[in-house]
Amino acid sequence: MPKVVNSEQRRAHIADAVLRLAARDGLHAVSLRGVAAESGLNIGSVRHYFDSQHDLMRFAMRTTIDRATARLIERRDAMPPIAGLAPDEVVDQLAEFFSELLPLDERRRTEMTVLVEFLIAARADPGLDDLAREAVRGTVTLAHRILEALERSGRFEPLDAEVEAPRLAALLDGLAFRAVLQPEITTPEECVAVLRAHLGELTRVIAADRG
């Protein structure tokens, strides 16, 4: 009897291989043959799902975005209402939330490394531009929504979301890039400390303005 293959599981297995390969050796190493070797599959099995290196690269990026988004949604849904939290508790919750976008462990480091590689590659490949823009805009949109939630709580008044959202997104992007490119200089501990300091400053400024 022929073995039944779950297509979604197989694609996820290939995606994991693409992410490992790209994070370890760079996007230039992401070829059909290279992914077949990394995943333990024959090249025909990989070709069944992907026709080219470009398809693999887009799938890797799509998977990275979707996985990070799913985790953020899960964390958001588990967060208690901001209105019922003390300022230091707000910082705790938001730091944990935004830490999903920082390379603090092997899983997130792999994803952020692929993101950095992909954004660099997208500069010279118009076929990747849509996903690159989605990733960059997504962080700004996320920051906007958090600032709006602070304002809706009735306890915080963001100074200017049009400035503060890109500022927070730039901080997250900068920390992620530095931690990926120079991990011996920008450690996970430093990333968390800088993020918490910024969030703490933001909430203190808001609280002071209200007083």
N, C-alpha and C. Protein backbone atom coordinates (compact mmCIF):
# COMPACT_ATOMS: atom_id res chain seq x y z
N MET A 1 0.85 -1.19 0.00
CA MET A 1 0.00 0.00 0.00
C MET A 1 0.89 1.25 0.00
N PRO A 2 0.64 2.19 -0.90
CA PRO A 2 1.47 3.40 -0.95
C PRO A 2 1.31 4.24 0.31
N LYS A 3 2.41 4.88 0.71
CA LYS A 3 2.39 5.72 1.90
C LYS A 3 1.61 7.00 1.63
N VAL A 4 0.71 7.36 2.56
CA VAL A 4 -0.07 8.58 2.43
C VAL A 4 0.73 9.74 3.01
N VAL A 5 0.93 10.77 2.20
CA VAL A 5 1.73 11.93 2.64
C VAL A 5 0.80 13.10 2.89
N ASN A 6 0.90 13.68 4.08
CA ASN A 6 0.14 14.87 4.42
C ASN A 6 0.86 16.07 3.79
N SER A 7 0.20 16.70 2.82
CA SER A 7 0.85 17.77 2.06
C SER A 7 1.26 18.94 2.94
N GLU A 8 0.39 19.33 3.89
CA GLU A 8 0.71 20.47 4.75
C GLU A 8 1.90 20.15 5.65
N GLN A 9 1.93 18.93 6.18
CA GLN A 9 3.06 18.55 7.03
C GLN A 9 4.35 18.50 6.22
N ARG A 10 4.28 17.99 4.99
CA ARG A 10 5.46 17.92 4.16
C ARG A 10 5.98 19.32 3.81
N ARG A 11 5.07 20.22 3.49
CA ARG A 11 5.48 21.59 3.18
C ARG A 11 6.10 22.26 4.42
N ALA A 12 5.53 22.00 5.60
CA ALA A 12 6.08 22.55 6.83
C ALA A 12 7.48 21.98 7.09
N HIS A 13 7.65 20.69 6.80
CA HIS A 13 8.95 20.05 6.97
C HIS A 13 9.98 20.69 6.03
N ILE A 14 9.58 20.94 4.80
CA ILE A 14 10.47 21.59 3.84
C ILE A 14 10.75 23.03 4.27
N ALA A 15 9.73 23.71 4.79
CA ALA A 15 9.92 25.09 5.25
C ALA A 15 10.96 25.14 6.37
N ASP A 16 10.89 24.21 7.30
CA ASP A 16 11.87 24.18 8.38
C ASP A 16 13.28 23.99 7.83
N ALA A 17 13.40 23.13 6.82
CA ALA A 17 14.71 22.90 6.21
C ALA A 17 15.21 24.16 5.51
N VAL A 18 14.32 24.87 4.82
CA VAL A 18 14.70 26.11 4.14
C VAL A 18 15.18 27.14 5.16
N LEU A 19 14.46 27.28 6.26
CA LEU A 19 14.82 28.27 7.27
C LEU A 19 16.17 27.92 7.90
N ARG A 20 16.39 26.66 8.22
CA ARG A 20 17.68 26.26 8.80
C ARG A 20 18.82 26.54 7.83
N LEU A 21 18.61 26.17 6.57
CA LEU A 21 19.65 26.34 5.56
C LEU A 21 19.95 27.82 5.33
N ALA A 22 18.91 28.63 5.21
CA ALA A 22 19.09 30.06 4.97
C ALA A 22 19.76 30.73 6.16
N ALA A 23 19.36 30.36 7.37
CA ALA A 23 19.94 30.97 8.56
C ALA A 23 21.40 30.57 8.73
N ARG A 24 21.71 29.34 8.40
CA ARG A 24 23.08 28.86 8.59
C ARG A 24 24.04 29.30 7.48
N ASP A 25 23.58 29.21 6.23
CA ASP A 25 24.47 29.40 5.08
C ASP A 25 24.10 30.58 4.19
N GLY A 26 22.97 31.25 4.45
CA GLY A 26 22.55 32.37 3.62
C GLY A 26 21.58 31.93 2.53
N LEU A 27 20.85 32.90 1.99
CA LEU A 27 19.83 32.58 0.99
C LEU A 27 20.42 32.00 -0.29
N HIS A 28 21.67 32.32 -0.58
CA HIS A 28 22.29 31.78 -1.79
C HIS A 28 22.38 30.25 -1.75
N ALA A 29 22.33 29.69 -0.53
CA ALA A 29 22.41 28.23 -0.38
C ALA A 29 21.06 27.56 -0.55
N VAL A 30 20.01 28.35 -0.63
CA VAL A 30 18.66 27.78 -0.74
C VAL A 30 18.40 27.41 -2.21
N SER A 31 18.72 26.18 -2.54
CA SER A 31 18.44 25.62 -3.86
C SER A 31 17.59 24.37 -3.68
N LEU A 32 16.99 23.90 -4.74
CA LEU A 32 16.19 22.69 -4.65
C LEU A 32 17.03 21.53 -4.13
N ARG A 33 18.24 21.40 -4.65
CA ARG A 33 19.12 20.32 -4.22
C ARG A 33 19.54 20.49 -2.77
N GLY A 34 19.89 21.73 -2.41
CA GLY A 34 20.32 21.97 -1.03
C GLY A 34 19.21 21.71 -0.03
N VAL A 35 18.00 22.13 -0.36
CA VAL A 35 16.87 21.91 0.55
C VAL A 35 16.53 20.43 0.63
N ALA A 36 16.65 19.72 -0.48
CA ALA A 36 16.40 18.27 -0.45
C ALA A 36 17.37 17.58 0.51
N ALA A 37 18.64 17.97 0.44
CA ALA A 37 19.64 17.37 1.33
C ALA A 37 19.37 17.74 2.79
N GLU A 38 19.03 19.01 3.04
CA GLU A 38 18.77 19.46 4.40
C GLU A 38 17.54 18.81 5.00
N SER A 39 16.53 18.55 4.18
CA SER A 39 15.27 17.98 4.67
C SER A 39 15.27 16.46 4.70
N GLY A 40 16.27 15.85 4.07
CA GLY A 40 16.31 14.39 4.02
C GLY A 40 15.36 13.80 2.99
N LEU A 41 14.93 14.63 2.04
CA LEU A 41 14.02 14.18 0.98
C LEU A 41 14.79 14.09 -0.33
N ASN A 42 14.23 13.38 -1.30
CA ASN A 42 14.85 13.41 -2.62
C ASN A 42 14.39 14.67 -3.35
N ILE A 43 15.16 15.09 -4.33
CA ILE A 43 14.89 16.34 -5.00
C ILE A 43 13.53 16.32 -5.71
N GLY A 44 13.08 15.13 -6.13
CA GLY A 44 11.77 15.02 -6.76
C GLY A 44 10.65 15.39 -5.81
N SER A 45 10.80 15.03 -4.53
CA SER A 45 9.78 15.37 -3.54
C SER A 45 9.71 16.87 -3.33
N VAL A 46 10.86 17.53 -3.34
CA VAL A 46 10.88 18.98 -3.18
C VAL A 46 10.28 19.64 -4.42
N ARG A 47 10.64 19.14 -5.59
CA ARG A 47 10.11 19.71 -6.83
C ARG A 47 8.59 19.53 -6.93
N HIS A 48 8.06 18.56 -6.25
CA HIS A 48 6.61 18.34 -6.27
C HIS A 48 5.86 19.54 -5.70
N TYR A 49 6.53 20.25 -4.77
CA TYR A 49 5.89 21.39 -4.11
C TYR A 49 6.42 22.74 -4.60
N PHE A 50 7.65 22.76 -5.07
CA PHE A 50 8.29 24.03 -5.45
C PHE A 50 9.01 23.86 -6.78
N ASP A 51 8.80 24.81 -7.67
CA ASP A 51 9.39 24.72 -9.01
C ASP A 51 10.78 25.33 -9.11
N SER A 52 11.10 26.23 -8.19
CA SER A 52 12.35 26.98 -8.34
C SER A 52 12.87 27.47 -7.00
N GLN A 53 14.10 27.99 -7.02
CA GLN A 53 14.67 28.60 -5.83
C GLN A 53 13.83 29.80 -5.39
N HIS A 54 13.32 30.56 -6.35
CA HIS A 54 12.50 31.72 -6.03
C HIS A 54 11.26 31.30 -5.25
N ASP A 55 10.63 30.22 -5.66
CA ASP A 55 9.45 29.71 -4.94
C ASP A 55 9.82 29.34 -3.51
N LEU A 56 10.98 28.70 -3.35
CA LEU A 56 11.43 28.32 -2.01
C LEU A 56 11.67 29.55 -1.13
N MET A 57 12.28 30.57 -1.71
CA MET A 57 12.57 31.78 -0.95
C MET A 57 11.29 32.48 -0.51
N ARG A 58 10.34 32.58 -1.43
CA ARG A 58 9.07 33.21 -1.08
C ARG A 58 8.34 32.40 0.00
N PHE A 59 8.39 31.10 -0.13
CA PHE A 59 7.72 30.25 0.86
C PHE A 59 8.37 30.39 2.22
N ALA A 60 9.71 30.47 2.24
CA ALA A 60 10.42 30.64 3.51
C ALA A 60 10.01 31.94 4.18
N MET A 61 9.91 33.01 3.41
CA MET A 61 9.53 34.29 3.98
C MET A 61 8.07 34.29 4.41
N ARG A 62 7.22 33.72 3.59
CA ARG A 62 5.80 33.64 3.94
C ARG A 62 5.62 32.86 5.24
N THR A 63 6.36 31.77 5.37
CA THR A 63 6.27 30.95 6.58
C THR A 63 6.77 31.72 7.79
N THR A 64 7.87 32.46 7.63
CA THR A 64 8.41 33.26 8.74
C THR A 64 7.41 34.30 9.21
N ILE A 65 6.81 35.01 8.27
CA ILE A 65 5.82 36.04 8.63
C ILE A 65 4.62 35.41 9.32
N ASP A 66 4.12 34.32 8.75
CA ASP A 66 2.91 33.69 9.30
C ASP A 66 3.15 33.12 10.70
N ARG A 67 4.29 32.51 10.91
CA ARG A 67 4.57 31.92 12.23
C ARG A 67 4.71 33.01 13.30
N ALA A 68 5.42 34.07 12.97
CA ALA A 68 5.57 35.17 13.93
C ALA A 68 4.21 35.81 14.21
N THR A 69 3.41 35.99 13.18
CA THR A 69 2.08 36.59 13.35
C THR A 69 1.21 35.73 14.25
N ALA A 70 1.25 34.41 14.04
CA ALA A 70 0.44 33.50 14.85
C ALA A 70 0.82 33.58 16.32
N ARG A 71 2.13 33.65 16.60
CA ARG A 71 2.57 33.75 17.99
C ARG A 71 2.15 35.08 18.61
N LEU A 72 2.24 36.15 17.83
CA LEU A 72 1.83 37.46 18.34
C LEU A 72 0.34 37.49 18.65
N ILE A 73 -0.45 36.90 17.79
CA ILE A 73 -1.90 36.84 18.04
C ILE A 73 -2.19 36.04 19.30
N GLU A 74 -1.47 34.93 19.47
CA GLU A 74 -1.67 34.10 20.66
C GLU A 74 -1.31 34.88 21.93
N ARG A 75 -0.20 35.60 21.88
CA ARG A 75 0.20 36.39 23.04
C ARG A 75 -0.78 37.54 23.30
N ARG A 76 -1.23 38.18 22.22
CA ARG A 76 -2.18 39.28 22.37
C ARG A 76 -3.46 38.79 23.03
N ASP A 77 -3.96 37.65 22.59
CA ASP A 77 -5.21 37.12 23.13
C ASP A 77 -5.07 36.70 24.60
N ALA A 78 -3.84 36.39 25.01
CA ALA A 78 -3.62 35.96 26.40
C ALA A 78 -3.34 37.13 27.34
N MET A 79 -3.12 38.33 26.78
CA MET A 79 -2.81 39.48 27.61
C MET A 79 -4.03 39.95 28.38
N PRO A 80 -3.86 40.29 29.66
CA PRO A 80 -4.98 40.86 30.42
C PRO A 80 -5.25 42.28 29.94
N PRO A 81 -6.44 42.82 30.23
CA PRO A 81 -6.76 44.19 29.83
C PRO A 81 -5.76 45.19 30.40
N ILE A 82 -5.27 46.07 29.56
CA ILE A 82 -4.28 47.07 29.99
C ILE A 82 -4.85 47.97 31.08
N ALA A 83 -6.15 48.25 31.01
CA ALA A 83 -6.76 49.17 31.98
C ALA A 83 -6.61 48.67 33.41
N GLY A 84 -6.45 47.37 33.59
CA GLY A 84 -6.36 46.83 34.93
C GLY A 84 -4.96 46.61 35.43
N LEU A 85 -3.96 47.07 34.66
CA LEU A 85 -2.56 46.82 35.02
C LEU A 85 -1.87 48.08 35.51
N ALA A 86 -0.93 47.89 36.43
CA ALA A 86 -0.07 48.99 36.86
C ALA A 86 0.94 49.27 35.74
N PRO A 87 1.53 50.47 35.69
CA PRO A 87 2.49 50.80 34.63
C PRO A 87 3.61 49.78 34.48
N ASP A 88 4.18 49.28 35.59
CA ASP A 88 5.26 48.30 35.47
C ASP A 88 4.76 46.98 34.91
N GLU A 89 3.50 46.65 35.20
CA GLU A 89 2.92 45.43 34.64
C GLU A 89 2.65 45.59 33.15
N VAL A 90 2.29 46.81 32.74
CA VAL A 90 2.12 47.07 31.30
C VAL A 90 3.45 46.85 30.58
N VAL A 91 4.52 47.34 31.17
CA VAL A 91 5.85 47.15 30.57
C VAL A 91 6.17 45.66 30.47
N ASP A 92 5.88 44.90 31.53
CA ASP A 92 6.14 43.46 31.52
C ASP A 92 5.40 42.78 30.38
N GLN A 93 4.12 43.09 30.26
CA GLN A 93 3.30 42.45 29.23
C GLN A 93 3.75 42.83 27.82
N LEU A 94 4.02 44.11 27.61
CA LEU A 94 4.42 44.56 26.29
C LEU A 94 5.82 44.07 25.92
N ALA A 95 6.70 43.97 26.90
CA ALA A 95 8.05 43.46 26.63
C ALA A 95 7.98 42.00 26.18
N GLU A 96 7.16 41.21 26.85
CA GLU A 96 7.00 39.82 26.44
C GLU A 96 6.38 39.73 25.05
N PHE A 97 5.43 40.59 24.79
CA PHE A 97 4.75 40.60 23.50
C PHE A 97 5.73 40.93 22.37
N PHE A 98 6.41 42.06 22.48
CA PHE A 98 7.31 42.49 21.41
C PHE A 98 8.57 41.64 21.31
N SER A 99 8.88 40.89 22.36
CA SER A 99 10.05 40.02 22.31
C SER A 99 9.90 38.91 21.28
N GLU A 100 8.69 38.66 20.83
CA GLU A 100 8.50 37.68 19.76
C GLU A 100 9.18 38.13 18.47
N LEU A 101 9.51 39.41 18.37
CA LEU A 101 10.16 39.94 17.16
C LEU A 101 11.66 40.10 17.34
N LEU A 102 12.20 39.55 18.41
CA LEU A 102 13.63 39.64 18.68
C LEU A 102 14.25 38.24 18.71
N PRO A 103 15.50 38.09 18.29
CA PRO A 103 16.15 36.77 18.24
C PRO A 103 16.68 36.33 19.60
N LEU A 104 15.76 35.97 20.49
CA LEU A 104 16.15 35.67 21.86
C LEU A 104 16.39 34.19 22.11
N ASP A 105 16.00 33.33 21.19
CA ASP A 105 16.26 31.90 21.31
C ASP A 105 16.51 31.34 19.91
N GLU A 106 16.77 30.05 19.83
CA GLU A 106 17.15 29.46 18.54
C GLU A 106 16.06 29.62 17.49
N ARG A 107 14.82 29.41 17.87
CA ARG A 107 13.71 29.52 16.91
C ARG A 107 13.60 30.93 16.36
N ARG A 108 13.56 31.91 17.26
CA ARG A 108 13.41 33.29 16.81
C ARG A 108 14.68 33.80 16.12
N ARG A 109 15.84 33.29 16.54
CA ARG A 109 17.08 33.70 15.86
C ARG A 109 17.07 33.20 14.43
N THR A 110 16.62 31.97 14.22
CA THR A 110 16.54 31.44 12.86
C THR A 110 15.61 32.29 12.02
N GLU A 111 14.44 32.60 12.53
CA GLU A 111 13.48 33.39 11.78
C GLU A 111 13.99 34.80 11.50
N MET A 112 14.58 35.44 12.49
CA MET A 112 15.07 36.80 12.29
C MET A 112 16.26 36.83 11.35
N THR A 113 17.10 35.80 11.39
CA THR A 113 18.22 35.73 10.46
C THR A 113 17.72 35.61 9.03
N VAL A 114 16.71 34.77 8.82
CA VAL A 114 16.13 34.64 7.49
C VAL A 114 15.49 35.95 7.06
N LEU A 115 14.84 36.65 7.99
CA LEU A 115 14.23 37.93 7.67
C LEU A 115 15.28 38.94 7.19
N VAL A 116 16.39 39.02 7.92
CA VAL A 116 17.46 39.94 7.53
C VAL A 116 17.99 39.57 6.15
N GLU A 117 18.26 38.30 5.92
CA GLU A 117 18.76 37.84 4.62
C GLU A 117 17.76 38.19 3.52
N PHE A 118 16.50 37.99 3.82
CA PHE A 118 15.46 38.20 2.82
C PHE A 118 15.32 39.68 2.47
N LEU A 119 15.34 40.54 3.47
CA LEU A 119 15.20 41.97 3.22
C LEU A 119 16.37 42.50 2.39
N ILE A 120 17.54 41.97 2.64
CA ILE A 120 18.70 42.37 1.84
C ILE A 120 18.54 41.89 0.40
N ALA A 121 18.09 40.64 0.23
CA ALA A 121 17.90 40.08 -1.11
C ALA A 121 16.81 40.82 -1.87
N ALA A 122 15.78 41.28 -1.17
CA ALA A 122 14.65 41.94 -1.82
C ALA A 122 15.04 43.26 -2.45
N ARG A 123 16.13 43.86 -2.00
CA ARG A 123 16.59 45.12 -2.60
C ARG A 123 16.91 44.94 -4.08
N ALA A 124 17.37 43.74 -4.45
CA ALA A 124 17.78 43.50 -5.84
C ALA A 124 16.82 42.57 -6.59
N ASP A 125 15.73 42.16 -5.93
CA ASP A 125 14.80 41.23 -6.56
C ASP A 125 13.37 41.74 -6.39
N PRO A 126 12.82 42.37 -7.43
CA PRO A 126 11.45 42.91 -7.33
C PRO A 126 10.41 41.84 -7.02
N GLY A 127 10.73 40.59 -7.32
CA GLY A 127 9.79 39.51 -7.05
C GLY A 127 9.63 39.20 -5.58
N LEU A 128 10.46 39.79 -4.75
CA LEU A 128 10.37 39.58 -3.30
C LEU A 128 9.87 40.83 -2.57
N ASP A 129 9.69 41.90 -3.32
CA ASP A 129 9.41 43.21 -2.71
C ASP A 129 8.11 43.22 -1.92
N ASP A 130 7.08 42.53 -2.40
CA ASP A 130 5.79 42.57 -1.71
C ASP A 130 5.88 41.99 -0.31
N LEU A 131 6.58 40.88 -0.17
CA LEU A 131 6.72 40.27 1.15
C LEU A 131 7.63 41.09 2.05
N ALA A 132 8.66 41.69 1.47
CA ALA A 132 9.54 42.55 2.26
C ALA A 132 8.76 43.74 2.82
N ARG A 133 7.95 44.35 1.98
CA ARG A 133 7.14 45.49 2.44
C ARG A 133 6.14 45.05 3.51
N GLU A 134 5.55 43.88 3.33
CA GLU A 134 4.60 43.37 4.31
C GLU A 134 5.27 43.19 5.67
N ALA A 135 6.48 42.66 5.67
CA ALA A 135 7.19 42.43 6.93
C ALA A 135 7.52 43.74 7.63
N VAL A 136 8.02 44.71 6.86
CA VAL A 136 8.41 45.99 7.46
C VAL A 136 7.18 46.77 7.94
N ARG A 137 6.16 46.83 7.09
CA ARG A 137 4.94 47.55 7.48
C ARG A 137 4.23 46.87 8.64
N GLY A 138 4.35 45.55 8.72
CA GLY A 138 3.67 44.82 9.77
C GLY A 138 4.12 45.24 11.15
N THR A 139 5.41 45.50 11.32
CA THR A 139 5.91 45.91 12.63
C THR A 139 5.37 47.29 13.01
N VAL A 140 5.32 48.19 12.05
CA VAL A 140 4.78 49.53 12.32
C VAL A 140 3.29 49.45 12.67
N THR A 141 2.56 48.64 11.91
CA THR A 141 1.12 48.48 12.18
C THR A 141 0.89 47.91 13.57
N LEU A 142 1.72 46.94 13.94
CA LEU A 142 1.61 46.34 15.27
C LEU A 142 1.85 47.38 16.35
N ALA A 143 2.87 48.19 16.17
CA ALA A 143 3.16 49.24 17.15
C ALA A 143 2.01 50.23 17.25
N HIS A 144 1.42 50.59 16.11
CA HIS A 144 0.26 51.48 16.10
C HIS A 144 -0.87 50.89 16.96
N ARG A 145 -1.15 49.64 16.77
CA ARG A 145 -2.27 49.01 17.48
C ARG A 145 -2.04 48.98 18.98
N ILE A 146 -0.80 48.75 19.39
CA ILE A 146 -0.49 48.75 20.81
C ILE A 146 -0.67 50.15 21.40
N LEU A 147 -0.19 51.16 20.69
CA LEU A 147 -0.36 52.54 21.16
C LEU A 147 -1.83 52.92 21.24
N GLU A 148 -2.60 52.46 20.27
CA GLU A 148 -4.03 52.72 20.29
C GLU A 148 -4.70 52.04 21.48
N ALA A 149 -4.24 50.83 21.81
CA ALA A 149 -4.78 50.12 22.97
C ALA A 149 -4.48 50.86 24.26
N LEU A 150 -3.27 51.42 24.35
CA LEU A 150 -2.93 52.23 25.53
C LEU A 150 -3.85 53.43 25.65
N GLU A 151 -4.14 54.05 24.52
CA GLU A 151 -5.01 55.22 24.55
C GLU A 151 -6.44 54.83 24.91
N ARG A 152 -6.91 53.72 24.35
CA ARG A 152 -8.29 53.28 24.64
C ARG A 152 -8.48 52.90 26.10
N SER A 153 -7.39 52.57 26.78
CA SER A 153 -7.51 52.16 28.18
C SER A 153 -8.00 53.31 29.05
N GLY A 154 -7.84 54.55 28.55
CA GLY A 154 -8.25 55.70 29.34
C GLY A 154 -7.21 56.15 30.34
N ARG A 155 -6.07 55.45 30.39
CA ARG A 155 -5.04 55.78 31.36
C ARG A 155 -3.78 56.32 30.70
N PHE A 156 -3.67 56.12 29.40
CA PHE A 156 -2.46 56.53 28.70
C PHE A 156 -2.84 57.35 27.47
N GLU A 157 -2.05 58.34 27.17
CA GLU A 157 -2.29 59.19 26.02
C GLU A 157 -1.01 59.29 25.18
N PRO A 158 -0.87 58.45 24.17
CA PRO A 158 0.33 58.52 23.33
C PRO A 158 0.54 59.93 22.79
N LEU A 159 1.77 60.36 22.78
CA LEU A 159 2.07 61.72 22.33
C LEU A 159 1.70 61.92 20.86
N ASP A 160 2.15 61.00 20.01
CA ASP A 160 1.87 61.09 18.59
C ASP A 160 2.13 59.71 17.99
N ALA A 161 1.07 58.98 17.73
CA ALA A 161 1.21 57.62 17.23
C ALA A 161 1.93 57.58 15.89
N GLU A 162 1.79 58.64 15.11
CA GLU A 162 2.44 58.67 13.79
C GLU A 162 3.96 58.74 13.93
N VAL A 163 4.42 59.20 15.07
CA VAL A 163 5.86 59.24 15.34
C VAL A 163 6.28 58.06 16.21
N GLU A 164 5.51 57.80 17.26
CA GLU A 164 5.89 56.78 18.22
C GLU A 164 5.84 55.36 17.65
N ALA A 165 4.90 55.08 16.75
CA ALA A 165 4.81 53.74 16.17
C ALA A 165 6.04 53.42 15.31
N PRO A 166 6.42 54.29 14.36
CA PRO A 166 7.66 54.03 13.61
C PRO A 166 8.90 54.01 14.51
N ARG A 167 8.87 54.82 15.56
CA ARG A 167 10.03 54.84 16.47
C ARG A 167 10.17 53.49 17.17
N LEU A 168 9.08 52.94 17.65
CA LEU A 168 9.13 51.65 18.31
C LEU A 168 9.51 50.55 17.31
N ALA A 169 8.94 50.62 16.12
CA ALA A 169 9.26 49.63 15.09
C ALA A 169 10.75 49.70 14.72
N ALA A 170 11.27 50.91 14.62
CA ALA A 170 12.69 51.08 14.29
C ALA A 170 13.58 50.50 15.39
N LEU A 171 13.16 50.67 16.63
CA LEU A 171 13.92 50.10 17.75
C LEU A 171 13.94 48.58 17.65
N LEU A 172 12.78 47.97 17.40
CA LEU A 172 12.71 46.52 17.29
C LEU A 172 13.53 46.01 16.12
N ASP A 173 13.39 46.68 14.97
CA ASP A 173 14.15 46.27 13.79
C ASP A 173 15.65 46.41 14.03
N GLY A 174 16.04 47.52 14.64
CA GLY A 174 17.46 47.75 14.89
C GLY A 174 18.05 46.72 15.83
N LEU A 175 17.33 46.40 16.89
CA LEU A 175 17.81 45.38 17.83
C LEU A 175 17.92 44.02 17.14
N ALA A 176 16.90 43.68 16.35
CA ALA A 176 16.93 42.39 15.66
C ALA A 176 18.10 42.31 14.69
N PHE A 177 18.31 43.37 13.90
CA PHE A 177 19.41 43.38 12.94
C PHE A 177 20.75 43.27 13.66
N ARG A 178 20.94 44.06 14.70
CA ARG A 178 22.21 44.04 15.42
C ARG A 178 22.46 42.67 16.05
N ALA A 179 21.42 42.08 16.63
CA ALA A 179 21.57 40.79 17.30
C ALA A 179 21.85 39.66 16.31
N VAL A 180 21.31 39.78 15.09
CA VAL A 180 21.57 38.78 14.06
C VAL A 180 22.97 38.95 13.48
N LEU A 181 23.36 40.20 13.18
CA LEU A 181 24.62 40.45 12.49
C LEU A 181 25.82 40.45 13.44
N GLN A 182 25.62 40.88 14.70
CA GLN A 182 26.70 40.93 15.67
C GLN A 182 26.21 40.38 17.01
N PRO A 183 25.91 39.08 17.08
CA PRO A 183 25.33 38.52 18.32
C PRO A 183 26.25 38.60 19.52
N GLU A 184 27.57 38.65 19.28
CA GLU A 184 28.49 38.73 20.42
C GLU A 184 28.48 40.12 21.04
N ILE A 185 27.98 41.10 20.30
CA ILE A 185 27.89 42.47 20.82
C ILE A 185 26.48 42.76 21.35
N THR A 186 25.48 42.39 20.58
CA THR A 186 24.08 42.63 20.98
C THR A 186 23.47 41.32 21.43
N THR A 187 23.50 41.08 22.72
CA THR A 187 23.04 39.82 23.30
C THR A 187 21.53 39.86 23.53
N PRO A 188 20.91 38.69 23.74
CA PRO A 188 19.49 38.68 24.08
C PRO A 188 19.17 39.52 25.31
N GLU A 189 20.06 39.47 26.30
CA GLU A 189 19.85 40.24 27.52
C GLU A 189 19.83 41.74 27.23
N GLU A 190 20.73 42.17 26.35
CA GLU A 190 20.76 43.59 25.99
C GLU A 190 19.51 43.98 25.23
N CYS A 191 19.06 43.12 24.33
CA CYS A 191 17.84 43.41 23.56
C CYS A 191 16.66 43.64 24.49
N VAL A 192 16.50 42.76 25.45
CA VAL A 192 15.38 42.87 26.38
C VAL A 192 15.52 44.13 27.24
N ALA A 193 16.71 44.41 27.70
CA ALA A 193 16.93 45.58 28.55
C ALA A 193 16.61 46.87 27.80
N VAL A 194 17.06 46.96 26.55
CA VAL A 194 16.80 48.17 25.76
C VAL A 194 15.31 48.31 25.47
N LEU A 195 14.66 47.21 25.12
CA LEU A 195 13.22 47.26 24.85
C LEU A 195 12.45 47.69 26.09
N ARG A 196 12.77 47.11 27.23
CA ARG A 196 12.07 47.46 28.47
C ARG A 196 12.30 48.92 28.84
N ALA A 197 13.52 49.40 28.62
CA ALA A 197 13.81 50.80 28.94
C ALA A 197 12.96 51.73 28.09
N HIS A 198 12.81 51.40 26.81
CA HIS A 198 12.00 52.24 25.94
C HIS A 198 10.53 52.21 26.34
N LEU A 199 10.03 51.02 26.60
CA LEU A 199 8.63 50.89 27.00
C LEU A 199 8.38 51.59 28.34
N GLY A 200 9.33 51.46 29.24
CA GLY A 200 9.20 52.13 30.53
C GLY A 200 9.20 53.64 30.37
N GLU A 201 10.07 54.15 29.52
CA GLU A 201 10.10 55.59 29.27
C GLU A 201 8.79 56.06 28.66
N LEU A 202 8.28 55.30 27.72
CA LEU A 202 7.03 55.67 27.06
C LEU A 202 5.88 55.75 28.05
N THR A 203 5.73 54.75 28.89
CA THR A 203 4.61 54.76 29.83
C THR A 203 4.80 55.81 30.92
N ARG A 204 6.03 56.05 31.34
CA ARG A 204 6.25 57.10 32.35
C ARG A 204 5.92 58.47 31.80
N VAL A 205 6.30 58.72 30.55
CA VAL A 205 6.01 60.01 29.95
C VAL A 205 4.52 60.22 29.85
N ILE A 206 3.81 59.20 29.45
CA ILE A 206 2.35 59.30 29.33
C ILE A 206 1.73 59.56 30.68
N ALA A 207 2.13 58.78 31.67
CA ALA A 207 1.56 58.95 33.01
C ALA A 207 1.85 60.34 33.55
N ALA A 208 3.06 60.86 33.30
CA ALA A 208 3.43 62.18 33.80
C ALA A 208 2.60 63.26 33.13
N ASP A 209 2.35 63.11 31.83
CA ASP A 209 1.53 64.09 31.13
C ASP A 209 0.13 64.15 31.70
N ARG A 210 -0.38 62.99 32.07
CA ARG A 210 -1.75 62.97 32.62
C ARG A 210 -1.79 63.62 33.99
N GLY A 211 -0.66 63.52 34.73
CA GLY A 211 -0.66 64.11 36.06
C GLY A 211 -0.50 65.60 36.01
